């Protein structure tokens, strides 16, 4: 029983490390959004994609461990929950797992909060940019070039204030 437990806890621990890295990346993205460092932001987005891929692989590994455990103990996968697994662990593994679970829960909450803040920053930035564009070329936004279906409309832009060939 300890083999699957050790592998399960190691995978969970690695997931915590990855989510901690995602949180740090999200904080760095927030600094870039506020300061306007686009090059660094692009690098962080690439880094974030890599971290998410690793998290997905670790999550698949965690699910495979649970599947093997359920097969070995003739338990249906649909009926197993993390709490029931923790209750069957010895004290050492239970304490370690509960600590990891608390850490993961905290990381999820922090990651959710910072991503919400980042989404709000991006949303407001886009609104401001759109408002500025409407100030300089208001008539261009009254007749959008593309319909909601994505097909190009036949009518062309009316004269706009800014020369687009600058």
Foldseek 3Di string as FASTA:
>chain_A
DVVLLVVLLVLLVVLLVLLVVLLVLLVVLVVCLVVVVVVVNVVSVVVNVVSVVVNVVSVVVNVVSLVVVCVVVVHDSVPDDPVVVLVPDDPVSNVSVVVSVVSVVVSVVSSVVSVVVVVVSVVVVVVVVVVVVCVQFVQCVVDDQADPVRDGDPDDGDDTRDDPVD
